[in-house]
PDB file of N, CA and C in Angstrom:
ATOM      1  N   MET A   1      27.837  12.119  31.918  1.00  0.00           N
ATOM      2  CA  MET A   1      26.599  11.928  31.203  1.00  0.00           C
ATOM      3  C   MET A   1      26.675  12.706  29.899  1.00  0.00           C
ATOM      4  N   ALA A   2      26.355  12.012  28.811  1.00  0.00           N
ATOM      5  CA  ALA A   2      26.454  12.632  27.496  1.00  0.00           C
ATOM      6  C   ALA A   2      25.144  13.337  27.151  1.00  0.00           C
ATOM      7  N   LEU A   3      25.262  14.442  26.442  1.00  0.00           N
ATOM      8  CA  LEU A   3      24.108  15.206  26.009  1.00  0.00           C
ATOM      9  C   LEU A   3      23.683  14.676  24.639  1.00  0.00           C
ATOM     10  N   THR A   4      22.431  14.194  24.525  1.00  0.00           N
ATOM     11  CA  THR A   4      21.949  13.652  23.251  1.00  0.00           C
ATOM     12  C   THR A   4      20.762  14.453  22.774  1.00  0.00           C
ATOM     13  N   PHE A   5      20.657  14.588  21.458  1.00  0.00           N
ATOM     14  CA  PHE A   5      19.547  15.318  20.866  1.00  0.00           C
ATOM     15  C   PHE A   5      18.432  14.371  20.411  1.00  0.00           C
ATOM     16  N   PHE A   6      18.811  13.153  20.073  1.00  0.00           N
ATOM     17  CA  PHE A   6      17.839  12.176  19.593  1.00  0.00           C
ATOM     18  C   PHE A   6      17.867  10.949  20.488  1.00  0.00           C
ATOM     19  N   LYS A   7      16.677  10.416  20.774  1.00  0.00           N
ATOM     20  CA  LYS A   7      16.597   9.188  21.546  1.00  0.00           C
ATOM     21  C   LYS A   7      16.729   8.014  20.583  1.00  0.00           C
ATOM     22  N   THR A   8      17.578   7.080  20.921  1.00  0.00           N
ATOM     23  CA  THR A   8      17.681   5.869  20.097  1.00  0.00           C
ATOM     24  C   THR A   8      16.646   4.866  20.592  1.00  0.00           C
ATOM     25  N   PRO A   9      15.910   4.253  19.664  1.00  0.00           N
ATOM     26  CA  PRO A   9      14.874   3.310  20.084  1.00  0.00           C
ATOM     27  C   PRO A   9      15.487   2.026  20.656  1.00  0.00           C
ATOM     28  N   ARG A  10      14.833   1.493  21.651  1.00  0.00           N
ATOM     29  CA  ARG A  10      15.277   0.241  22.267  1.00  0.00           C
ATOM     30  C   ARG A  10      14.577  -0.935  21.582  1.00  0.00           C
ATOM     31  N   ASN A  11      15.180  -2.092  21.695  1.00  0.00           N
ATOM     32  CA  ASN A  11      14.557  -3.298  21.143  1.00  0.00           C
ATOM     33  C   ASN A  11      13.303  -3.639  21.932  1.00  0.00           C
ATOM     34  N   LYS A  12      12.280  -4.078  21.184  1.00  0.00           N
ATOM     35  CA  LYS A  12      11.043  -4.475  21.849  1.00  0.00           C
ATOM     36  C   LYS A  12      11.192  -5.904  22.336  1.00  0.00           C
ATOM     37  N   GLN A  13      10.677  -6.185  23.516  1.00  0.00           N
ATOM     38  CA  GLN A  13      10.729  -7.528  24.081  1.00  0.00           C
ATOM     39  C   GLN A  13       9.310  -8.056  24.210  1.00  0.00           C
ATOM     40  N   PHE A  14       9.159  -9.317  23.834  1.00  0.00           N
ATOM     41  CA  PHE A  14       7.856  -9.952  23.892  1.00  0.00           C
ATOM     42  C   PHE A  14       7.931 -11.149  24.820  1.00  0.00           C
ATOM     43  N   ASN A  15       6.825 -11.490  25.418  1.00  0.00           N
ATOM     44  CA  ASN A  15       6.754 -12.645  26.312  1.00  0.00           C
ATOM     45  C   ASN A  15       6.128 -13.827  25.577  1.00  0.00           C
ATOM     46  N   TYR A  16       6.684 -14.183  24.433  1.00  0.00           N
ATOM     47  CA  TYR A  16       6.148 -15.279  23.623  1.00  0.00           C
ATOM     48  C   TYR A  16       6.769 -16.597  24.058  1.00  0.00           C
ATOM     49  N   LYS A  17       5.919 -17.553  24.379  1.00  0.00           N
ATOM     50  CA  LYS A  17       6.381 -18.890  24.720  1.00  0.00           C
ATOM     51  C   LYS A  17       5.769 -19.844  23.704  1.00  0.00           C
ATOM     52  N   PRO A  18       6.572 -20.497  22.872  1.00  0.00           N
ATOM     53  CA  PRO A  18       6.015 -21.387  21.844  1.00  0.00           C
ATOM     54  C   PRO A  18       5.317 -22.599  22.473  1.00  0.00           C
ATOM     55  N   VAL A  19       4.278 -23.031  21.814  1.00  0.00           N
ATOM     56  CA  VAL A  19       3.502 -24.174  22.292  1.00  0.00           C
ATOM     57  C   VAL A  19       3.930 -25.394  21.475  1.00  0.00           C
ATOM     58  N   TYR A  20       4.257 -26.490  22.161  1.00  0.00           N
ATOM     59  CA  TYR A  20       4.654 -27.715  21.487  1.00  0.00           C
ATOM     60  C   TYR A  20       3.427 -28.585  21.291  1.00  0.00           C
ATOM     61  N   TYR A  21       3.197 -29.021  20.076  1.00  0.00           N
ATOM     62  CA  TYR A  21       2.043 -29.845  19.738  1.00  0.00           C
ATOM     63  C   TYR A  21       2.527 -31.249  19.406  1.00  0.00           C
ATOM     64  N   ASP A  22       2.058 -32.231  20.155  1.00  0.00           N
ATOM     65  CA  ASP A  22       2.435 -33.619  19.921  1.00  0.00           C
ATOM     66  C   ASP A  22       1.202 -34.360  19.414  1.00  0.00           C
ATOM     67  N   LYS A  23       1.185 -34.619  18.116  1.00  0.00           N
ATOM     68  CA  LYS A  23       0.028 -35.232  17.483  1.00  0.00           C
ATOM     69  C   LYS A  23      -0.215 -36.644  18.009  1.00  0.00           C
ATOM     70  N   LYS A  24       0.851 -37.416  18.164  1.00  0.00           N
ATOM     71  CA  LYS A  24       0.699 -38.797  18.637  1.00  0.00           C
ATOM     72  C   LYS A  24       0.133 -38.838  20.052  1.00  0.00           C
ATOM     73  N   LYS A  25       0.596 -37.919  20.899  1.00  0.00           N
ATOM     74  CA  LYS A  25       0.108 -37.873  22.277  1.00  0.00           C
ATOM     75  C   LYS A  25      -1.375 -37.521  22.304  1.00  0.00           C
ATOM     76  N   GLU A  26      -1.792 -36.570  21.469  1.00  0.00           N
ATOM     77  CA  GLU A  26      -3.198 -36.191  21.408  1.00  0.00           C
ATOM     78  C   GLU A  26      -4.060 -37.373  20.975  1.00  0.00           C
ATOM     79  N   GLU A  27      -3.603 -38.120  19.953  1.00  0.00           N
ATOM     80  CA  GLU A  27      -4.362 -39.273  19.481  1.00  0.00           C
ATOM     81  C   GLU A  27      -4.432 -40.356  20.558  1.00  0.00           C
ATOM     82  N   ARG A  28      -3.326 -40.585  21.261  1.00  0.00           N
ATOM     83  CA  ARG A  28      -3.296 -41.594  22.321  1.00  0.00           C
ATOM     84  C   ARG A  28      -4.278 -41.231  23.434  1.00  0.00           C
ATOM     85  N   GLU A  29      -4.291 -39.951  23.847  1.00  0.00           N
ATOM     86  CA  GLU A  29      -5.221 -39.513  24.884  1.00  0.00           C
ATOM     87  C   GLU A  29      -6.669 -39.637  24.420  1.00  0.00           C
ATOM     88  N   LYS A  30      -6.908 -39.364  23.160  1.00  0.00           N
ATOM     89  CA  LYS A  30      -8.256 -39.486  22.617  1.00  0.00           C
ATOM     90  C   LYS A  30      -8.721 -40.943  22.646  1.00  0.00           C
ATOM     91  N   ARG A  31      -7.815 -41.873  22.298  1.00  0.00           N
ATOM     92  CA  ARG A  31      -8.151 -43.298  22.327  1.00  0.00           C
ATOM     93  C   ARG A  31      -8.413 -43.764  23.762  1.00  0.00           C
ATOM     94  N   GLN A  32      -7.580 -43.297  24.711  1.00  0.00           N
ATOM     95  CA  GLN A  32      -7.766 -43.683  26.103  1.00  0.00           C
ATOM     96  C   GLN A  32      -9.103 -43.184  26.630  1.00  0.00           C
ATOM     97  N   LYS A  33      -9.443 -41.964  26.300  1.00  0.00           N
ATOM     98  CA  LYS A  33     -10.703 -41.391  26.749  1.00  0.00           C
ATOM     99  C   LYS A  33     -11.880 -42.175  26.175  1.00  0.00           C
ATOM    100  N   ALA A  34     -11.792 -42.537  24.898  1.00  0.00           N
ATOM    101  CA  ALA A  34     -12.865 -43.302  24.270  1.00  0.00           C
ATOM    102  C   ALA A  34     -12.967 -44.699  24.875  1.00  0.00           C
ATOM    103  N   ALA A  35     -11.846 -45.304  25.227  1.00  0.00           N
ATOM    104  CA  ALA A  35     -11.864 -46.641  25.822  1.00  0.00           C
ATOM    105  C   ALA A  35     -12.462 -46.603  27.218  1.00  0.00           C
ATOM    106  N   LEU A  36     -12.239 -45.531  27.960  1.00  0.00           N
ATOM    107  CA  LEU A  36     -12.784 -45.431  29.314  1.00  0.00           C
ATOM    108  C   LEU A  36     -14.289 -45.196  29.310  1.00  0.00           C
ATOM    109  N   GLU A  37     -14.767 -44.457  28.331  1.00  0.00           N
ATOM    110  CA  GLU A  37     -16.203 -44.171  28.280  1.00  0.00           C
ATOM    111  C   GLU A  37     -16.990 -45.431  27.960  1.00  0.00           C
ATOM    112  N   GLU A  38     -16.645 -46.100  26.874  1.00  0.00           N
ATOM    113  CA  GLU A  38     -17.188 -47.399  26.487  1.00  0.00           C
ATOM    114  C   GLU A  38     -18.723 -47.441  26.505  1.00  0.00           C
ATOM    115  N   ASP A  39     -19.371 -46.355  26.131  1.00  0.00           N
ATOM    116  CA  ASP A  39     -20.829 -46.344  25.981  1.00  0.00           C
ATOM    117  C   ASP A  39     -21.187 -46.914  24.618  1.00  0.00           C
ATOM    118  N   HIS A  40     -22.408 -47.440  24.520  1.00  0.00           N
ATOM    119  CA  HIS A  40     -22.832 -47.984  23.231  1.00  0.00           C
ATOM    120  C   HIS A  40     -23.035 -46.878  22.202  1.00  0.00           C
ATOM    121  N   GLU A  41     -23.450 -45.710  22.662  1.00  0.00           N
ATOM    122  CA  GLU A  41     -23.638 -44.594  21.742  1.00  0.00           C
ATOM    123  C   GLU A  41     -22.293 -44.108  21.201  1.00  0.00           C
ATOM    124  N   ASN A  42     -21.310 -44.017  22.081  1.00  0.00           N
ATOM    125  CA  ASN A  42     -20.004 -43.535  21.666  1.00  0.00           C
ATOM    126  C   ASN A  42     -19.132 -44.643  21.097  1.00  0.00           C
ATOM    127  N   TYR A  43     -19.549 -45.892  21.255  1.00  0.00           N
ATOM    128  CA  TYR A  43     -18.738 -47.010  20.780  1.00  0.00           C
ATOM    129  C   TYR A  43     -18.563 -46.948  19.268  1.00  0.00           C
ATOM    130  N   GLU A  44     -19.651 -46.675  18.550  1.00  0.00           N
ATOM    131  CA  GLU A  44     -19.566 -46.596  17.086  1.00  0.00           C
ATOM    132  C   GLU A  44     -18.654 -45.459  16.657  1.00  0.00           C
ATOM    133  N   LYS A  45     -18.768 -44.327  17.336  1.00  0.00           N
ATOM    134  CA  LYS A  45     -17.913 -43.184  17.001  1.00  0.00           C
ATOM    135  C   LYS A  45     -16.451 -43.504  17.305  1.00  0.00           C
ATOM    136  N   ALA A  46     -16.187 -44.146  18.442  1.00  0.00           N
ATOM    137  CA  ALA A  46     -14.814 -44.514  18.803  1.00  0.00           C
ATOM    138  C   ALA A  46     -14.255 -45.518  17.804  1.00  0.00           C
ATOM    139  N   LEU A  47     -15.077 -46.480  17.397  1.00  0.00           N
ATOM    140  CA  LEU A  47     -14.645 -47.480  16.418  1.00  0.00           C
ATOM    141  C   LEU A  47     -14.318 -46.805  15.085  1.00  0.00           C
ATOM    142  N   ARG A  48     -15.182 -45.884  14.678  1.00  0.00           N
ATOM    143  CA  ARG A  48     -14.955 -45.159  13.430  1.00  0.00           C
ATOM    144  C   ARG A  48     -13.658 -44.346  13.496  1.00  0.00           C
ATOM    145  N   ASP A  49     -13.429 -43.684  14.633  1.00  0.00           N
ATOM    146  CA  ASP A  49     -12.201 -42.910  14.811  1.00  0.00           C
ATOM    147  C   ASP A  49     -10.968 -43.800  14.783  1.00  0.00           C
ATOM    148  N   ARG A  50     -11.062 -44.976  15.444  1.00  0.00           N
ATOM    149  CA  ARG A  50      -9.934 -45.901  15.458  1.00  0.00           C
ATOM    150  C   ARG A  50      -9.597 -46.392  14.058  1.00  0.00           C
ATOM    151  N   LEU A  51     -10.641 -46.750  13.303  1.00  0.00           N
ATOM    152  CA  LEU A  51     -10.416 -47.205  11.934  1.00  0.00           C
ATOM    153  C   LEU A  51      -9.829 -46.100  11.066  1.00  0.00           C
ATOM    154  N   GLN A  52     -10.300 -44.887  11.279  1.00  0.00           N
ATOM    155  CA  GLN A  52      -9.799 -43.760  10.507  1.00  0.00           C
ATOM    156  C   GLN A  52      -8.328 -43.493  10.818  1.00  0.00           C
ATOM    157  N   MET A  53      -7.942 -43.564  12.105  1.00  0.00           N
ATOM    158  CA  MET A  53      -6.538 -43.358  12.477  1.00  0.00           C
ATOM    159  C   MET A  53      -5.657 -44.451  11.886  1.00  0.00           C
ATOM    160  N   ARG A  54      -6.134 -45.701  11.935  1.00  0.00           N
ATOM    161  CA  ARG A  54      -5.361 -46.803  11.374  1.00  0.00           C
ATOM    162  C   ARG A  54      -5.197 -46.630   9.869  1.00  0.00           C
ATOM    163  N   TRP A  55      -6.262 -46.179   9.188  1.00  0.00           N
ATOM    164  CA  TRP A  55      -6.187 -45.974   7.750  1.00  0.00           C
ATOM    165  C   TRP A  55      -5.180 -44.868   7.416  1.00  0.00           C
ATOM    166  N   LYS A  56      -5.164 -43.792   8.226  1.00  0.00           N
ATOM    167  CA  LYS A  56      -4.214 -42.708   7.988  1.00  0.00           C
ATOM    168  C   LYS A  56      -2.781 -43.192   8.150  1.00  0.00           C
ATOM    169  N   ARG A  57      -2.541 -44.032   9.178  1.00  0.00           N
ATOM    170  CA  ARG A  57      -1.180 -44.548   9.392  1.00  0.00           C
ATOM    171  C   ARG A  57      -0.738 -45.416   8.235  1.00  0.00           C
ATOM    172  N   THR A  58      -1.614 -46.319   7.753  1.00  0.00           N
ATOM    173  CA  THR A  58      -1.233 -47.208   6.648  1.00  0.00           C
ATOM    174  C   THR A  58      -1.111 -46.428   5.344  1.00  0.00           C
ATOM    175  N   ALA A  59      -1.926 -45.383   5.181  1.00  0.00           N
ATOM    176  CA  ALA A  59      -1.835 -44.579   3.962  1.00  0.00           C
ATOM    177  C   ALA A  59      -0.493 -43.860   3.906  1.00  0.00           C
ATOM    178  N   GLY A  60      -0.019 -43.376   5.037  1.00  0.00           N
ATOM    179  CA  GLY A  60       1.282 -42.703   5.076  1.00  0.00           C
ATOM    180  C   GLY A  60       2.403 -43.668   4.760  1.00  0.00           C
ATOM    181  N   ALA A  61       2.347 -44.876   5.298  1.00  0.00           N
ATOM    182  CA  ALA A  61       3.378 -45.877   5.030  1.00  0.00           C
ATOM    183  C   ALA A  61       3.337 -46.292   3.568  1.00  0.00           C
ATOM    184  N   ARG A  62       2.139 -46.415   3.022  1.00  0.00           N
ATOM    185  CA  ARG A  62       1.986 -46.809   1.623  1.00  0.00           C
ATOM    186  C   ARG A  62       2.586 -45.745   0.700  1.00  0.00           C
ATOM    187  N   SER A  63       2.346 -44.473   0.996  1.00  0.00           N
ATOM    188  CA  SER A  63       2.875 -43.410   0.138  1.00  0.00           C
ATOM    189  C   SER A  63       4.396 -43.331   0.249  1.00  0.00           C
ATOM    190  N   ARG A  64       4.954 -43.559   1.449  1.00  0.00           N
ATOM    191  CA  ARG A  64       6.415 -43.564   1.599  1.00  0.00           C
ATOM    192  C   ARG A  64       7.031 -44.713   0.804  1.00  0.00           C
ATOM    193  N   ARG A  65       6.398 -45.884   0.872  1.00  0.00           N
ATOM    194  CA  ARG A  65       6.908 -47.043   0.145  1.00  0.00           C
ATOM    195  C   ARG A  65       6.871 -46.783  -1.365  1.00  0.00           C
ATOM    196  N   ALA A  66       5.780 -46.195  -1.857  1.00  0.00           N
ATOM    197  CA  ALA A  66       5.665 -45.882  -3.278  1.00  0.00           C
ATOM    198  C   ALA A  66       6.723 -44.860  -3.685  1.00  0.00           C
ATOM    199  N   SER A  67       6.974 -43.887  -2.835  1.00  0.00           N
ATOM    200  CA  SER A  67       7.986 -42.874  -3.125  1.00  0.00           C
ATOM    201  C   SER A  67       9.375 -43.507  -3.199  1.00  0.00           C
ATOM    202  N   ASN A  68       9.675 -44.402  -2.274  1.00  0.00           N
ATOM    203  CA  ASN A  68      10.983 -45.073  -2.289  1.00  0.00           C
ATOM    204  C   ASN A  68      11.141 -45.938  -3.523  1.00  0.00           C
ATOM    205  N   GLN A  69      10.090 -46.641  -3.921  1.00  0.00           N
ATOM    206  CA  GLN A  69      10.156 -47.466  -5.129  1.00  0.00           C
ATOM    207  C   GLN A  69      10.389 -46.597  -6.362  1.00  0.00           C
ATOM    208  N   ARG A  70       9.721 -45.475  -6.425  1.00  0.00           N
ATOM    209  CA  ARG A  70       9.885 -44.562  -7.555  1.00  0.00           C
ATOM    210  C   ARG A  70      11.324 -44.059  -7.622  1.00  0.00           C
ATOM    211  N   LEU A  71      11.898 -43.748  -6.483  1.00  0.00           N
ATOM    212  CA  LEU A  71      13.277 -43.273  -6.424  1.00  0.00           C
ATOM    213  C   LEU A  71      14.245 -44.346  -6.901  1.00  0.00           C
ATOM    214  N   VAL A  72      14.029 -45.586  -6.503  1.00  0.00           N
ATOM    215  CA  VAL A  72      14.889 -46.690  -6.935  1.00  0.00           C
ATOM    216  C   VAL A  72      14.796 -46.869  -8.443  1.00  0.00           C
ATOM    217  N   VAL A  73      13.599 -46.791  -8.987  1.00  0.00           N
ATOM    218  CA  VAL A  73      13.415 -46.940 -10.441  1.00  0.00           C
ATOM    219  C   VAL A  73      14.143 -45.828 -11.179  1.00  0.00           C
ATOM    220  N   ILE A  74      14.066 -44.606 -10.691  1.00  0.00           N
ATOM    221  CA  ILE A  74      14.760 -43.489 -11.339  1.00  0.00           C
ATOM    222  C   ILE A  74      16.262 -43.714 -11.324  1.00  0.00           C
ATOM    223  N   PHE A  75      16.820 -44.158 -10.182  1.00  0.00           N
ATOM    224  CA  PHE A  75      18.253 -44.433 -10.111  1.00  0.00           C
ATOM    225  C   PHE A  75      18.670 -45.551 -11.072  1.00  0.00           C
ATOM    226  N   VAL A  76      17.865 -46.586 -11.177  1.00  0.00           N
ATOM    227  CA  VAL A  76      18.195 -47.693 -12.079  1.00  0.00           C
ATOM    228  C   VAL A  76      18.188 -47.207 -13.520  1.00  0.00           C
ATOM    229  N   VAL A  77      17.189 -46.447 -13.895  1.00  0.00           N
ATOM    230  CA  VAL A  77      17.117 -45.927 -15.265  1.00  0.00           C
ATOM    231  C   VAL A  77      18.306 -45.012 -15.557  1.00  0.00           C
ATOM    232  N   MET A  78      18.649 -44.149 -14.605  1.00  0.00           N
ATOM    233  CA  MET A  78      19.802 -43.266 -14.812  1.00  0.00           C
ATOM    234  C   MET A  78      21.095 -44.068 -14.942  1.00  0.00           C
ATOM    235  N   PHE A  79      21.257 -45.099 -14.125  1.00  0.00           N
ATOM    236  CA  PHE A  79      22.450 -45.930 -14.190  1.00  0.00           C
ATOM    237  C   PHE A  79      22.542 -46.629 -15.536  1.00  0.00           C
ATOM    238  N   VAL A  80      21.439 -47.168 -16.029  1.00  0.00           N
ATOM    239  CA  VAL A  80      21.439 -47.851 -17.325  1.00  0.00           C
ATOM    240  C   VAL A  80      21.770 -46.859 -18.436  1.00  0.00           C
ATOM    241  N   LEU A  81      21.183 -45.684 -18.406  1.00  0.00           N
ATOM    242  CA  LEU A  81      21.473 -44.682 -19.444  1.00  0.00           C
ATOM    243  C   LEU A  81      22.943 -44.260 -19.414  1.00  0.00           C
ATOM    244  N   LEU A  82      23.482 -44.017 -18.232  1.00  0.00           N
ATOM    245  CA  LEU A  82      24.897 -43.649 -18.130  1.00  0.00           C
ATOM    246  C   LEU A  82      25.795 -44.785 -18.609  1.00  0.00           C
ATOM    247  N   TYR A  83      25.451 -46.002 -18.300  1.00  0.00           N
ATOM    248  CA  TYR A  83      26.230 -47.164 -18.754  1.00  0.00           C
ATOM    249  C   TYR A  83      26.203 -47.230 -20.290  1.00  0.00           C
ATOM    250  N   LEU A  84      25.038 -47.035 -20.878  1.00  0.00           N
ATOM    251  CA  LEU A  84      24.922 -47.089 -22.346  1.00  0.00           C
ATOM    252  C   LEU A  84      25.705 -45.948 -22.994  1.00  0.00           C
ATOM    253  N   ILE A  85      25.693 -44.774 -22.390  1.00  0.00           N
ATOM    254  CA  ILE A  85      26.382 -43.625 -22.978  1.00  0.00           C
ATOM    255  C   ILE A  85      27.899 -43.787 -22.903  1.00  0.00           C
ATOM    256  N   PHE A  86      28.436 -44.229 -21.767  1.00  0.00           N
ATOM    257  CA  PHE A  86      29.872 -44.238 -21.578  1.00  0.00           C
ATOM    258  C   PHE A  86      30.556 -45.540 -21.965  1.00  0.00           C
ATOM    259  N   PHE A  87      29.891 -46.665 -21.936  1.00  0.00           N
ATOM    260  CA  PHE A  87      30.569 -47.924 -22.158  1.00  0.00           C
ATOM    261  C   PHE A  87      30.140 -48.656 -23.431  1.00  0.00           C
ATOM    262  N   ILE A  88      29.231 -48.142 -24.184  1.00  0.00           N
ATOM    263  CA  ILE A  88      28.853 -48.799 -25.445  1.00  0.00           C
ATOM    264  C   ILE A  88      29.085 -47.879 -26.613  1.00  0.00           C
TER     265      ILE A  88
END
């Protein structure tokens, strides 16, 4: 056994377990719950939520499509400029 004058600190251990969040699963469960309730009072709210989710999905696809088109235009312009610089 060695004689020590200073204690060396040990690593701290934590019991952290990360939580996985699945957005699509949450939305699916919300839709199922709304479909099962099917009350007239909640029907308007469920319809509004469904339309809002559909709008969010199409808005995301629309922005991706616009981004891809912008990228293609930039590549075409760069190609034309490089062609003009090197071959004319």
